Amino acid sequence: MRVKCVICDKIEKLDNELPLAKKLRNRPIHTYMCEPCKDRIEVKTQARQATGKFRKHHTEETEDEYI
């Protein structure tokens, strides 16, 4: 399976039997990032977290007492 990185537009080949290939094939909303782009984002995220000003914008779900 040929995949294209969403950041750098680099085309790579994945084995069809890999779980990532199956996920991309069955759910088109998932995107692919090559390892260098993934590593670059990870380094920048860790640097942001180290500053202490990093905040997650996800709201915490409260448990419903009736469920």
C-alpha atoms as a PDB file:
ATOM      1  CA  MET A   1       0.000   0.000   0.000  1.00  0.00           C
ATOM      2  CA  ARG A   2       1.347   3.422  -0.911  1.00  0.00           C
ATOM      3  CA  VAL A   3       0.803   6.191   1.620  1.00  0.00           C
ATOM      4  CA  LYS A   4       1.566   9.903   1.585  1.00  0.00           C
ATOM      5  CA  CYS A   5       2.703  11.929   4.582  1.00  0.00           C
ATOM      6  CA  VAL A   6       0.264  14.742   5.336  1.00  0.00           C
ATOM      7  CA  ILE A   7       3.058  17.147   6.311  1.00  0.00           C
ATOM      8  CA  CYS A   8       5.911  16.661   3.840  1.00  0.00           C
ATOM      9  CA  ASP A   9       4.022  14.855   1.004  1.00  0.00           C
ATOM     10  CA  LYS A  10       6.632  12.081   0.956  1.00  0.00           C
ATOM     11  CA  ILE A  11       5.298   8.837  -0.537  1.00  0.00           C
ATOM     12  CA  GLU A  12       6.183   5.596   1.244  1.00  0.00           C
ATOM     13  CA  LYS A  13       5.183   1.979   0.879  1.00  0.00           C
ATOM     14  CA  LEU A  14       3.558   0.016   3.715  1.00  0.00           C
ATOM     15  CA  ASP A  15       3.003  -3.705   3.912  1.00  0.00           C
ATOM     16  CA  ASN A  16      -0.692  -4.455   3.318  1.00  0.00           C
ATOM     17  CA  GLU A  17      -0.907  -6.675   6.399  1.00  0.00           C
ATOM     18  CA  LEU A  18       0.290  -4.082   8.914  1.00  0.00           C
ATOM     19  CA  PRO A  19      -2.323  -2.825  11.401  1.00  0.00           C
ATOM     20  CA  LEU A  20      -1.583   0.765  10.328  1.00  0.00           C
ATOM     21  CA  ALA A  21      -2.324  -0.092   6.689  1.00  0.00           C
ATOM     22  CA  LYS A  22      -5.613  -1.718   7.659  1.00  0.00           C
ATOM     23  CA  LYS A  23      -6.570   1.296   9.783  1.00  0.00           C
ATOM     24  CA  LEU A  24      -5.835   3.703   6.937  1.00  0.00           C
ATOM     25  CA  ARG A  25      -7.711   1.569   4.449  1.00  0.00           C
ATOM     26  CA  ASN A  26     -10.840   1.076   6.573  1.00  0.00           C
ATOM     27  CA  ARG A  27     -11.100   4.544   8.082  1.00  0.00           C
ATOM     28  CA  PRO A  28     -10.104   7.291   5.636  1.00  0.00           C
ATOM     29  CA  ILE A  29     -10.268   9.961   8.361  1.00  0.00           C
ATOM     30  CA  HIS A  30      -6.991   8.618   9.811  1.00  0.00           C
ATOM     31  CA  THR A  31      -3.903  10.227   8.347  1.00  0.00           C
ATOM     32  CA  TYR A  32      -0.339   9.022   7.858  1.00  0.00           C
ATOM     33  CA  MET A  33       2.838  10.761   9.018  1.00  0.00           C
ATOM     34  CA  CYS A  34       6.324   9.554   8.137  1.00  0.00           C
ATOM     35  CA  GLU A  35       8.781   8.853  10.970  1.00  0.00           C
ATOM     36  CA  PRO A  36      10.881  12.050  10.536  1.00  0.00           C
ATOM     37  CA  CYS A  37       7.750  14.234  10.718  1.00  0.00           C
ATOM     38  CA  LYS A  38       6.393  12.268  13.678  1.00  0.00           C
ATOM     39  CA  ASP A  39       9.726  12.623  15.500  1.00  0.00           C
ATOM     40  CA  ARG A  40       9.900  16.362  14.734  1.00  0.00           C
ATOM     41  CA  ILE A  41       6.416  16.927  16.165  1.00  0.00           C
ATOM     42  CA  GLU A  42       7.224  14.803  19.208  1.00  0.00           C
ATOM     43  CA  VAL A  43      10.378  16.828  19.975  1.00  0.00           C
ATOM     44  CA  LYS A  44       8.526  20.137  19.656  1.00  0.00           C
ATOM     45  CA  THR A  45       5.665  18.872  21.844  1.00  0.00           C
ATOM     46  CA  GLN A  46       8.082  17.747  24.549  1.00  0.00           C
ATOM     47  CA  ALA A  47       9.795  21.145  24.411  1.00  0.00           C
ATOM     48  CA  ARG A  48       6.420  22.892  24.836  1.00  0.00           C
ATOM     49  CA  GLN A  49       5.538  20.632  27.770  1.00  0.00           C
ATOM     50  CA  ALA A  50       8.879  21.425  29.423  1.00  0.00           C
ATOM     51  CA  THR A  51       8.089  25.165  29.450  1.00  0.00           C
ATOM     52  CA  GLY A  52       5.217  24.620  31.876  1.00  0.00           C
ATOM     53  CA  LYS A  53       2.773  26.602  29.748  1.00  0.00           C
ATOM     54  CA  PHE A  54       1.458  23.546  27.924  1.00  0.00           C
ATOM     55  CA  ARG A  55      -2.263  22.968  28.419  1.00  0.00           C
ATOM     56  CA  LYS A  56      -4.510  20.282  27.038  1.00  0.00           C
ATOM     57  CA  HIS A  57      -7.667  21.753  25.610  1.00  0.00           C
ATOM     58  CA  HIS A  58      -9.698  18.607  26.062  1.00  0.00           C
ATOM     59  CA  THR A  59     -12.468  18.884  28.585  1.00  0.00           C
ATOM     60  CA  GLU A  60     -12.588  16.211  31.200  1.00  0.00           C
ATOM     61  CA  GLU A  61     -15.686  14.114  30.995  1.00  0.00           C
ATOM     62  CA  THR A  62     -17.704  13.904  34.163  1.00  0.00           C
ATOM     63  CA  GLU A  63     -19.247  10.591  34.997  1.00  0.00           C
ATOM     64  CA  ASP A  64     -22.999  10.443  34.842  1.00  0.00           C
ATOM     65  CA  GLU A  65     -24.427   9.104  38.087  1.00  0.00           C
ATOM     66  CA  TYR A  66     -27.187   7.276  36.208  1.00  0.00           C
ATOM     67  CA  ILE A  67     -24.912   5.178  34.017  1.00  0.00           C
END
